[in-house]
Amino acid sequence: MCDYTDSDGDGPGDNDSPDAYVHVVVDNIVYDMARTENPPYTSATGFAVGNKSFGEGTHYYHFECWDSWTVVRYPTSGELSFTVSD
């Protein structure tokens, strides 16, 4: 899960662009994230990806968001990681 915030209050898809998005990219695979809370986007609004299963080992990820105006990546460079163990 991640929290999306936009100082102008623009949410993904609010600017008549069906292509706006919030994604998590895990091991170079893009997963769409869906809103779990209602706006306003000027404060943290939750987004989550559905149930996914990841194999054992370390996985690398980052988030990407586009509100039809600006693309944001977190972290701005590099990757975050998580480990799945048996």
N, C-alpha and C. Protein backbone atom coordinates (compact mmCIF):
# COMPACT_ATOMS: atom_id res chain seq x y z
N MET A 1 0.84 -1.18 0.00
CA MET A 1 0.00 0.00 0.00
C MET A 1 0.88 1.23 0.00
N CYS A 2 0.41 2.29 -0.63
CA CYS A 2 1.11 3.57 -0.61
C CYS A 2 0.09 4.68 -0.45
N ASP A 3 0.54 5.82 0.00
CA ASP A 3 -0.31 7.01 0.12
C ASP A 3 0.05 7.98 -0.98
N TYR A 4 -0.96 8.48 -1.69
CA TYR A 4 -0.81 9.42 -2.79
C TYR A 4 -1.27 10.79 -2.30
N THR A 5 -0.48 11.81 -2.56
CA THR A 5 -0.83 13.19 -2.19
C THR A 5 -0.48 14.10 -3.35
N ASP A 6 -1.34 15.07 -3.65
CA ASP A 6 -1.08 16.04 -4.70
C ASP A 6 -1.46 17.42 -4.18
N SER A 7 -0.52 18.36 -4.21
CA SER A 7 -0.76 19.69 -3.63
C SER A 7 -1.90 20.43 -4.32
N ASP A 8 -2.15 20.14 -5.62
CA ASP A 8 -3.26 20.77 -6.34
C ASP A 8 -4.56 20.00 -6.19
N GLY A 9 -4.49 18.83 -5.55
CA GLY A 9 -5.68 18.00 -5.38
C GLY A 9 -6.00 17.15 -6.59
N ASP A 10 -5.07 17.08 -7.57
CA ASP A 10 -5.30 16.27 -8.76
C ASP A 10 -5.07 14.80 -8.45
N GLY A 11 -6.06 13.99 -8.72
CA GLY A 11 -5.91 12.55 -8.55
C GLY A 11 -5.61 11.89 -9.87
N PRO A 12 -5.14 10.68 -9.86
CA PRO A 12 -4.92 9.96 -11.11
C PRO A 12 -6.22 9.86 -11.89
N GLY A 13 -6.23 10.33 -13.11
CA GLY A 13 -7.42 10.29 -13.95
C GLY A 13 -8.36 11.45 -13.78
N ASP A 14 -8.06 12.41 -12.90
CA ASP A 14 -8.95 13.55 -12.68
C ASP A 14 -8.96 14.56 -13.82
N ASN A 15 -7.94 14.53 -14.68
CA ASN A 15 -7.82 15.53 -15.74
C ASN A 15 -8.25 14.99 -17.09
N ASP A 16 -9.32 14.20 -17.09
CA ASP A 16 -9.86 13.60 -18.30
C ASP A 16 -8.85 12.74 -19.03
N SER A 17 -7.95 12.14 -18.30
CA SER A 17 -6.97 11.24 -18.90
C SER A 17 -7.11 9.86 -18.29
N PRO A 18 -7.66 8.93 -19.06
CA PRO A 18 -7.80 7.57 -18.53
C PRO A 18 -6.45 6.86 -18.36
N ASP A 19 -5.38 7.48 -18.88
CA ASP A 19 -4.07 6.86 -18.80
C ASP A 19 -3.33 7.19 -17.51
N ALA A 20 -3.84 8.11 -16.68
CA ALA A 20 -3.18 8.44 -15.42
C ALA A 20 -3.16 7.20 -14.54
N TYR A 21 -2.17 7.12 -13.64
CA TYR A 21 -2.00 5.88 -12.90
C TYR A 21 -1.24 6.05 -11.60
N VAL A 22 -1.36 5.03 -10.75
CA VAL A 22 -0.47 4.76 -9.62
C VAL A 22 -0.05 3.31 -9.81
N HIS A 23 1.25 3.07 -9.90
CA HIS A 23 1.79 1.72 -10.12
C HIS A 23 2.83 1.41 -9.06
N VAL A 24 2.99 0.13 -8.80
CA VAL A 24 4.18 -0.37 -8.12
C VAL A 24 4.87 -1.29 -9.13
N VAL A 25 6.17 -1.14 -9.25
CA VAL A 25 6.95 -1.95 -10.18
C VAL A 25 7.83 -2.87 -9.33
N VAL A 26 7.54 -4.18 -9.40
CA VAL A 26 8.27 -5.17 -8.60
C VAL A 26 9.02 -6.08 -9.56
N ASP A 27 10.32 -6.13 -9.41
CA ASP A 27 11.16 -6.97 -10.28
C ASP A 27 10.86 -6.69 -11.76
N ASN A 28 10.72 -5.42 -12.08
CA ASN A 28 10.47 -4.94 -13.46
C ASN A 28 9.10 -5.33 -14.01
N ILE A 29 8.18 -5.74 -13.15
CA ILE A 29 6.80 -6.03 -13.57
C ILE A 29 5.90 -4.96 -12.97
N VAL A 30 5.09 -4.33 -13.82
CA VAL A 30 4.22 -3.23 -13.40
C VAL A 30 2.90 -3.78 -12.88
N TYR A 31 2.50 -3.34 -11.68
CA TYR A 31 1.22 -3.71 -11.09
C TYR A 31 0.40 -2.44 -10.87
N ASP A 32 -0.82 -2.42 -11.41
CA ASP A 32 -1.72 -1.29 -11.18
C ASP A 32 -2.14 -1.28 -9.71
N MET A 33 -2.29 -0.08 -9.18
CA MET A 33 -2.78 0.08 -7.81
C MET A 33 -4.14 0.77 -7.86
N ALA A 34 -5.03 0.37 -6.99
CA ALA A 34 -6.38 0.93 -6.94
C ALA A 34 -6.56 1.73 -5.66
N ARG A 35 -7.38 2.75 -5.74
CA ARG A 35 -7.65 3.61 -4.58
C ARG A 35 -8.38 2.81 -3.51
N THR A 36 -7.92 2.93 -2.26
CA THR A 36 -8.57 2.26 -1.13
C THR A 36 -9.33 3.24 -0.25
N GLU A 37 -9.15 4.53 -0.51
CA GLU A 37 -9.81 5.58 0.26
C GLU A 37 -10.31 6.64 -0.70
N ASN A 38 -11.28 7.42 -0.29
CA ASN A 38 -11.79 8.50 -1.12
C ASN A 38 -10.92 9.74 -0.98
N PRO A 39 -10.90 10.58 -2.04
CA PRO A 39 -10.14 11.84 -1.96
C PRO A 39 -10.67 12.69 -0.82
N PRO A 40 -10.07 13.76 -0.38
CA PRO A 40 -9.28 14.66 -1.19
C PRO A 40 -7.84 14.19 -1.33
N TYR A 41 -7.26 14.46 -2.49
CA TYR A 41 -5.88 14.08 -2.75
C TYR A 41 -4.87 15.04 -2.13
N THR A 42 -5.36 16.14 -1.54
CA THR A 42 -4.45 17.07 -0.87
C THR A 42 -3.94 16.49 0.44
N SER A 43 -4.57 15.44 0.93
CA SER A 43 -4.04 14.69 2.08
C SER A 43 -3.84 13.26 1.62
N ALA A 44 -3.16 12.47 2.40
CA ALA A 44 -2.80 11.11 1.99
C ALA A 44 -4.03 10.27 1.65
N THR A 45 -4.05 9.72 0.44
CA THR A 45 -5.11 8.84 -0.02
C THR A 45 -4.48 7.50 -0.34
N GLY A 46 -4.98 6.42 0.26
CA GLY A 46 -4.38 5.11 0.10
C GLY A 46 -4.63 4.47 -1.24
N PHE A 47 -3.62 3.79 -1.75
CA PHE A 47 -3.71 2.96 -2.95
C PHE A 47 -3.08 1.62 -2.61
N ALA A 48 -3.63 0.55 -3.15
CA ALA A 48 -3.09 -0.78 -2.87
C ALA A 48 -3.18 -1.64 -4.13
N VAL A 49 -2.37 -2.65 -4.18
CA VAL A 49 -2.40 -3.63 -5.26
C VAL A 49 -3.13 -4.86 -4.70
N GLY A 50 -3.85 -5.56 -5.56
CA GLY A 50 -4.56 -6.76 -5.12
C GLY A 50 -3.60 -7.83 -4.61
N ASN A 51 -4.16 -8.93 -4.16
CA ASN A 51 -3.33 -10.02 -3.63
C ASN A 51 -2.35 -10.51 -4.67
N LYS A 52 -1.10 -10.44 -4.34
CA LYS A 52 -0.03 -10.93 -5.21
C LYS A 52 0.85 -11.86 -4.40
N SER A 53 1.41 -12.83 -5.05
CA SER A 53 2.30 -13.77 -4.39
C SER A 53 3.67 -13.65 -5.03
N PHE A 54 4.69 -13.54 -4.20
CA PHE A 54 6.05 -13.42 -4.68
C PHE A 54 6.85 -14.60 -4.16
N GLY A 55 7.71 -15.13 -5.00
CA GLY A 55 8.53 -16.27 -4.63
C GLY A 55 9.55 -15.92 -3.57
N GLU A 56 10.12 -16.94 -3.01
CA GLU A 56 11.13 -16.76 -1.97
C GLU A 56 12.32 -16.01 -2.53
N GLY A 57 12.89 -15.15 -1.71
CA GLY A 57 14.06 -14.38 -2.11
C GLY A 57 13.84 -12.89 -1.95
N THR A 58 14.78 -12.11 -2.42
CA THR A 58 14.70 -10.66 -2.32
C THR A 58 14.11 -10.09 -3.60
N HIS A 59 13.18 -9.15 -3.45
CA HIS A 59 12.50 -8.51 -4.57
C HIS A 59 12.74 -7.01 -4.48
N TYR A 60 12.81 -6.36 -5.64
CA TYR A 60 13.12 -4.93 -5.71
C TYR A 60 11.94 -4.20 -6.33
N TYR A 61 11.64 -3.02 -5.77
CA TYR A 61 10.45 -2.30 -6.23
C TYR A 61 10.60 -0.79 -6.11
N HIS A 62 9.72 -0.09 -6.83
CA HIS A 62 9.56 1.36 -6.70
C HIS A 62 8.12 1.70 -7.11
N PHE A 63 7.71 2.91 -6.80
CA PHE A 63 6.37 3.38 -7.13
C PHE A 63 6.46 4.43 -8.23
N GLU A 64 5.44 4.46 -9.10
CA GLU A 64 5.33 5.48 -10.15
C GLU A 64 3.90 6.01 -10.15
N CYS A 65 3.76 7.33 -10.23
CA CYS A 65 2.44 7.96 -10.27
C CYS A 65 2.41 9.01 -11.37
N TRP A 66 1.28 9.16 -12.01
CA TRP A 66 1.08 10.21 -13.01
C TRP A 66 -0.34 10.72 -12.89
N ASP A 67 -0.50 12.02 -12.68
CA ASP A 67 -1.83 12.61 -12.54
C ASP A 67 -2.26 13.34 -13.80
N SER A 68 -1.68 13.02 -14.94
CA SER A 68 -1.91 13.65 -16.24
C SER A 68 -1.09 14.91 -16.42
N TRP A 69 -0.40 15.34 -15.38
CA TRP A 69 0.43 16.53 -15.46
C TRP A 69 1.90 16.22 -15.16
N THR A 70 2.14 15.43 -14.14
CA THR A 70 3.49 15.19 -13.66
C THR A 70 3.68 13.71 -13.33
N VAL A 71 4.84 13.18 -13.73
CA VAL A 71 5.21 11.81 -13.35
C VAL A 71 6.11 11.90 -12.12
N VAL A 72 5.82 11.06 -11.14
CA VAL A 72 6.63 11.01 -9.92
C VAL A 72 7.05 9.56 -9.70
N ARG A 73 8.30 9.39 -9.30
CA ARG A 73 8.83 8.06 -8.99
C ARG A 73 9.37 8.10 -7.57
N TYR A 74 9.07 7.04 -6.80
CA TYR A 74 9.63 6.93 -5.45
C TYR A 74 10.22 5.55 -5.27
N PRO A 75 11.46 5.44 -4.87
CA PRO A 75 12.38 6.55 -4.71
C PRO A 75 12.77 7.12 -6.08
N THR A 76 13.30 8.33 -6.09
CA THR A 76 13.61 8.98 -7.36
C THR A 76 14.64 8.22 -8.17
N SER A 77 15.50 7.46 -7.51
CA SER A 77 16.43 6.57 -8.20
C SER A 77 16.67 5.35 -7.32
N GLY A 78 17.13 4.29 -7.93
CA GLY A 78 17.36 3.07 -7.16
C GLY A 78 16.06 2.34 -6.87
N GLU A 79 16.16 1.36 -6.02
CA GLU A 79 15.01 0.51 -5.71
C GLU A 79 14.90 0.30 -4.19
N LEU A 80 13.70 0.04 -3.74
CA LEU A 80 13.46 -0.45 -2.38
C LEU A 80 13.47 -1.97 -2.47
N SER A 81 13.51 -2.66 -1.35
CA SER A 81 13.51 -4.11 -1.42
C SER A 81 12.71 -4.73 -0.27
N PHE A 82 12.27 -5.95 -0.51
CA PHE A 82 11.66 -6.77 0.54
C PHE A 82 12.09 -8.21 0.29
N THR A 83 12.06 -8.99 1.34
CA THR A 83 12.49 -10.38 1.25
C THR A 83 11.37 -11.31 1.67
N VAL A 84 11.13 -12.33 0.89
CA VAL A 84 10.17 -13.39 1.22
C VAL A 84 10.98 -14.61 1.62
N SER A 85 10.67 -15.13 2.80
CA SER A 85 11.37 -16.33 3.26
C SER A 85 10.36 -17.39 3.64
N ASP A 86 10.78 -18.61 3.61
CA ASP A 86 9.91 -19.73 3.92
C ASP A 86 9.72 -19.86 5.42
